[in-house]
N, C-alpha and C. Protein backbone atom coordinates (compact mmCIF):
# COMPACT_ATOMS: atom_id res chain seq x y z
N UNK A 1 41.22 -4.48 -89.22
CA UNK A 1 40.51 -3.94 -89.19
C UNK A 1 40.11 -3.90 -89.89
N UNK A 2 40.44 -3.44 -91.15
CA UNK A 2 39.24 -3.24 -91.93
C UNK A 2 38.48 -3.99 -92.77
N UNK A 3 38.49 -5.10 -92.89
CA UNK A 3 37.66 -5.74 -92.48
C UNK A 3 36.37 -6.11 -91.75
N UNK A 4 36.70 -6.17 -90.60
CA UNK A 4 35.72 -5.57 -89.67
C UNK A 4 35.22 -3.85 -89.97
N UNK A 5 36.18 -3.53 -90.60
CA UNK A 5 35.10 -1.88 -90.67
C UNK A 5 34.29 -1.90 -92.08
N UNK A 6 33.94 -3.14 -92.75
CA UNK A 6 33.88 -3.16 -93.23
C UNK A 6 32.52 -3.96 -93.59
N UNK A 7 32.01 -4.64 -92.76
CA UNK A 7 31.54 -6.24 -91.71
C UNK A 7 29.86 -4.54 -91.36
N UNK A 8 31.05 -3.88 -90.11
CA UNK A 8 30.13 -2.95 -90.09
C UNK A 8 29.13 -1.45 -90.69
N UNK A 9 29.58 -1.57 -91.85
CA UNK A 9 29.64 0.08 -92.81
C UNK A 9 29.74 -0.86 -94.57
N UNK A 10 29.83 -1.14 -94.33
CA UNK A 10 29.16 -2.30 -95.44
C UNK A 10 28.50 -3.30 -96.29
N UNK A 11 28.19 -4.26 -95.34
CA UNK A 11 27.32 -5.29 -95.09
C UNK A 11 26.46 -4.94 -94.66
N UNK A 12 24.63 -5.30 -95.74
CA UNK A 12 24.10 -4.92 -95.13
C UNK A 12 22.58 -5.58 -95.80
N UNK A 13 21.62 -5.39 -95.31
CA UNK A 13 20.93 -6.59 -94.69
C UNK A 13 19.76 -5.20 -94.94
N UNK A 14 18.52 -6.18 -96.51
CA UNK A 14 17.32 -5.03 -96.80
C UNK A 14 18.09 -3.50 -96.29
N UNK A 15 18.97 -3.45 -97.04
CA UNK A 15 19.83 -1.83 -96.95
C UNK A 15 19.78 -1.07 -95.47
N UNK A 16 20.06 -2.29 -94.32
CA UNK A 16 20.61 -1.81 -93.22
C UNK A 16 21.92 -2.59 -92.98
N UNK A 17 22.79 -2.05 -91.62
CA UNK A 17 23.70 -2.46 -91.11
C UNK A 17 23.02 -4.25 -90.78
N UNK A 18 24.55 -5.06 -91.22
CA UNK A 18 24.13 -6.14 -91.20
C UNK A 18 23.46 -7.16 -89.54
N UNK A 19 24.88 -6.31 -89.10
CA UNK A 19 25.57 -6.39 -87.83
C UNK A 19 24.25 -6.01 -86.25
N UNK A 20 23.65 -6.62 -85.95
CA UNK A 20 22.77 -6.34 -85.33
C UNK A 20 22.79 -4.96 -84.19
N UNK A 21 23.53 -5.46 -83.60
CA UNK A 21 24.71 -3.82 -82.57
C UNK A 21 24.02 -2.96 -82.87
N UNK A 22 25.33 -3.38 -84.44
CA UNK A 22 25.24 -1.64 -85.67
C UNK A 22 24.14 -0.86 -85.17
N UNK A 23 23.62 -2.37 -86.06
CA UNK A 23 21.67 -1.81 -86.68
C UNK A 23 20.96 -0.95 -84.97
N UNK A 24 20.94 -1.40 -84.29
CA UNK A 24 20.07 -0.49 -82.48
C UNK A 24 21.05 0.10 -82.95
N UNK A 25 22.77 0.61 -82.13
CA UNK A 25 22.73 1.64 -82.32
C UNK A 25 22.24 2.39 -83.35
N UNK A 26 22.70 2.57 -84.63
CA UNK A 26 22.96 3.32 -86.30
C UNK A 26 21.07 4.15 -86.25
N UNK A 27 19.92 2.83 -85.46
CA UNK A 27 18.97 3.27 -85.99
C UNK A 27 18.80 4.46 -84.16
N UNK A 28 19.47 4.41 -83.35
CA UNK A 28 18.63 5.24 -82.29
C UNK A 28 19.81 7.02 -82.19
N UNK A 29 20.93 6.59 -83.64
CA UNK A 29 21.22 7.70 -84.29
C UNK A 29 23.07 8.50 -83.47
N UNK A 30 23.49 7.03 -83.37
CA UNK A 30 24.79 7.73 -82.88
C UNK A 30 25.21 7.34 -84.46
N UNK A 31 27.21 7.42 -84.06
CA UNK A 31 27.62 7.16 -85.24
C UNK A 31 28.97 6.33 -84.66
N UNK A 32 29.36 5.67 -86.25
CA UNK A 32 30.18 4.47 -86.40
C UNK A 32 30.84 5.09 -86.06
N UNK A 33 31.80 5.09 -84.36
CA UNK A 33 32.94 5.88 -83.56
C UNK A 33 34.10 5.61 -83.90
N UNK A 34 34.76 4.29 -83.82
CA UNK A 34 36.45 3.49 -84.04
C UNK A 34 35.88 2.09 -84.15
N UNK A 35 37.09 1.40 -83.91
CA UNK A 35 37.09 -0.11 -83.93
C UNK A 35 38.65 -0.02 -82.92
N UNK A 36 38.73 -0.86 -81.68
CA UNK A 36 39.77 -0.70 -80.96
C UNK A 36 40.26 -2.20 -81.32
N UNK A 37 42.00 -2.76 -81.99
CA UNK A 37 42.31 -3.87 -82.12
C UNK A 37 42.70 -4.40 -80.55
N UNK A 38 41.80 -4.77 -80.51
CA UNK A 38 42.25 -6.07 -79.51
C UNK A 38 41.88 -5.63 -77.41
N UNK A 39 40.71 -4.37 -78.39
CA UNK A 39 39.63 -4.01 -76.80
C UNK A 39 38.60 -4.84 -76.40
N UNK A 40 38.82 -6.40 -76.51
CA UNK A 40 37.49 -7.33 -75.60
C UNK A 40 38.56 -8.95 -75.72
N UNK A 41 39.85 -8.68 -74.67
CA UNK A 41 40.21 -9.86 -74.74
C UNK A 41 39.72 -11.01 -74.12
N UNK A 42 38.18 -10.56 -73.16
CA UNK A 42 38.03 -12.55 -72.39
C UNK A 42 37.43 -13.13 -73.79
N UNK A 43 37.66 -14.57 -73.34
CA UNK A 43 37.54 -16.05 -74.63
C UNK A 43 36.54 -15.59 -74.98
N UNK A 44 35.64 -15.53 -74.16
CA UNK A 44 34.31 -14.81 -75.60
C UNK A 44 34.16 -13.73 -76.30
N UNK A 45 35.54 -12.56 -76.17
CA UNK A 45 35.81 -11.23 -76.85
C UNK A 45 36.14 -11.94 -78.39
N UNK A 46 37.64 -13.17 -78.26
CA UNK A 46 37.71 -13.03 -78.76
C UNK A 46 37.31 -14.38 -79.72
N UNK A 47 36.56 -15.04 -79.42
CA UNK A 47 35.82 -16.12 -80.24
C UNK A 47 35.25 -15.66 -81.29
N UNK A 48 33.79 -14.20 -80.18
CA UNK A 48 33.22 -14.16 -81.02
C UNK A 48 33.04 -12.38 -82.00
N UNK A 49 34.88 -11.94 -82.07
CA UNK A 49 34.75 -10.56 -82.00
C UNK A 49 36.17 -10.55 -82.93
N UNK A 50 37.32 -11.53 -82.75
CA UNK A 50 38.33 -12.01 -82.85
C UNK A 50 38.94 -10.71 -81.78
N UNK A 51 38.84 -10.62 -80.63
CA UNK A 51 39.28 -9.57 -80.05
C UNK A 51 38.88 -8.06 -80.43
N UNK A 52 38.35 -7.02 -81.24
CA UNK A 52 37.53 -6.36 -82.20
C UNK A 52 36.23 -5.53 -81.17
N UNK A 53 37.04 -4.15 -80.54
CA UNK A 53 35.87 -3.93 -80.45
C UNK A 53 35.20 -2.51 -80.49
N UNK A 54 34.16 -2.05 -81.13
CA UNK A 54 33.60 -1.37 -81.69
C UNK A 54 32.63 0.31 -80.83
N UNK A 55 33.19 1.17 -80.65
CA UNK A 55 33.12 2.75 -80.26
C UNK A 55 31.31 2.92 -81.01
N UNK A 56 30.02 3.16 -80.76
CA UNK A 56 29.24 3.67 -81.34
C UNK A 56 29.33 5.17 -79.79
N UNK A 57 28.93 7.17 -81.09
CA UNK A 57 29.39 8.07 -79.87
C UNK A 57 28.10 8.96 -80.35
N UNK A 58 27.39 9.17 -79.01
CA UNK A 58 26.30 9.32 -79.46
C UNK A 58 26.07 10.78 -79.61
N UNK A 59 26.44 11.93 -80.48
CA UNK A 59 25.98 13.46 -80.43
C UNK A 59 24.36 13.52 -79.97
N UNK A 60 23.79 14.39 -78.56
CA UNK A 60 22.60 14.96 -78.54
C UNK A 60 22.41 15.58 -80.25
N UNK A 61 22.41 16.16 -79.89
CA UNK A 61 22.12 17.27 -80.54
C UNK A 61 21.88 16.80 -82.40
N UNK A 62 22.24 15.61 -82.41
CA UNK A 62 22.92 14.96 -83.54
C UNK A 62 21.03 13.85 -83.27
N UNK A 63 21.23 12.58 -82.34
CA UNK A 63 20.52 12.13 -82.72
C UNK A 63 19.88 11.65 -83.54
N UNK A 64 19.36 12.60 -83.41
CA UNK A 64 16.95 12.48 -84.20
C UNK A 64 18.03 12.52 -85.70
N UNK A 65 18.06 14.07 -86.28
CA UNK A 65 19.08 13.80 -87.84
C UNK A 65 19.79 12.27 -87.53
N UNK A 66 20.50 11.68 -87.01
CA UNK A 66 21.18 10.87 -87.32
C UNK A 66 21.06 9.29 -87.87
N UNK A 67 19.15 9.16 -86.37
CA UNK A 67 18.46 8.33 -86.96
C UNK A 67 17.59 8.22 -88.16
N UNK A 68 17.04 9.51 -88.24
CA UNK A 68 16.50 9.30 -89.40
C UNK A 68 16.72 9.66 -90.51
N UNK A 69 18.38 9.94 -91.25
CA UNK A 69 19.09 9.64 -92.20
C UNK A 69 19.17 8.99 -92.38
N UNK A 70 19.13 7.34 -91.02
CA UNK A 70 19.76 6.01 -91.62
C UNK A 70 19.13 5.38 -91.77
N UNK A 71 17.29 5.76 -90.91
CA UNK A 71 15.75 5.13 -91.27
C UNK A 71 15.61 4.98 -93.02
N UNK A 72 15.68 7.05 -93.04
CA UNK A 72 15.49 6.44 -94.78
C UNK A 72 16.37 6.25 -95.81
N UNK A 73 17.38 7.14 -95.69
CA UNK A 73 17.93 6.87 -96.70
C UNK A 73 19.09 5.65 -96.06
N UNK A 74 19.44 5.12 -95.04
CA UNK A 74 20.42 3.13 -95.02
C UNK A 74 21.76 4.18 -94.83
N UNK A 75 21.88 5.95 -94.65
CA UNK A 75 23.07 6.59 -94.55
C UNK A 75 23.82 5.91 -93.39
N UNK A 76 24.43 5.47 -93.27
CA UNK A 76 25.52 4.81 -91.73
C UNK A 76 26.62 6.36 -91.63
N UNK A 77 26.44 6.94 -90.66
CA UNK A 77 27.12 7.80 -90.30
C UNK A 77 28.12 7.34 -89.66
N UNK A 78 29.28 7.78 -89.57
CA UNK A 78 31.11 6.87 -89.53
C UNK A 78 31.73 8.04 -89.36
N UNK A 79 33.20 7.88 -88.19
CA UNK A 79 33.74 8.46 -87.51
C UNK A 79 34.57 8.53 -89.60
N UNK A 80 36.03 9.96 -89.63
CA UNK A 80 37.08 8.88 -90.13
C UNK A 80 37.70 8.16 -90.37
N UNK A 81 38.16 7.65 -88.88
CA UNK A 81 39.40 6.97 -88.79
C UNK A 81 38.16 5.95 -89.56
N UNK A 82 36.66 5.31 -88.74
CA UNK A 82 36.55 3.57 -90.13
C UNK A 82 36.05 4.18 -91.74
N UNK A 83 36.07 5.48 -92.05
CA UNK A 83 35.68 5.88 -92.86
C UNK A 83 36.84 5.62 -94.42
N UNK A 84 38.19 5.91 -93.17
CA UNK A 84 39.33 5.18 -94.01
C UNK A 84 39.61 3.54 -94.22
N UNK A 85 39.49 3.08 -93.32
CA UNK A 85 39.51 1.74 -92.95
C UNK A 85 38.14 1.53 -93.63
N UNK A 86 37.31 1.72 -94.71
CA UNK A 86 36.06 1.38 -94.60
C UNK A 86 37.61 1.68 -97.39
N UNK A 87 37.75 2.81 -97.03
CA UNK A 87 38.03 3.12 -98.23
C UNK A 87 40.13 1.91 -98.39
N UNK A 88 40.90 1.69 -98.00
CA UNK A 88 41.70 0.82 -97.40
C UNK A 88 41.05 0.07 -97.38
N UNK A 89 40.04 -0.38 -97.13
CA UNK A 89 39.30 -2.65 -97.36
C UNK A 89 38.82 -1.74 -98.92
N UNK A 90 38.30 -1.90 -99.35
CA UNK A 90 38.03 -1.27 -101.42
C UNK A 90 38.89 -1.65 -101.79
N UNK A 91 40.06 -0.02 -101.26
CA UNK A 91 41.13 -0.34 -102.40
C UNK A 91 41.34 -1.85 -102.85
N UNK A 92 42.35 -2.01 -101.49
CA UNK A 92 42.99 -3.66 -101.49
C UNK A 92 41.18 -5.07 -101.47
N UNK A 93 40.78 -5.18 -101.99
CA UNK A 93 39.35 -6.64 -101.86
C UNK A 93 39.46 -6.33 -103.02
N UNK A 94 39.48 -8.16 -103.53
CA UNK A 94 39.14 -8.94 -104.06
C UNK A 94 37.65 -9.13 -104.45
N UNK A 95 37.05 -8.57 -103.37
CA UNK A 95 35.15 -9.18 -103.25
C UNK A 95 35.17 -8.63 -103.73
């Protein structure tokens, strides 16, 4: 889960999220909200994402601000749960 959080939050292509689904939601002003272990146990889900599923949350009053910040500064708005996983990854990673 830590690696998944880093992939979604920290891995970039031209400064934006590397994952195309994440990039889509973040451009539209969502928050990278939660990573669910074994959230998709279908054969496709296991093959594509090891069963992990990501939730993006839209706070309607913040979508314009989040979208503008992401597009202008490439800052990803993320929940405390995701940021904690990113922090754990950074502390334990040898990358």
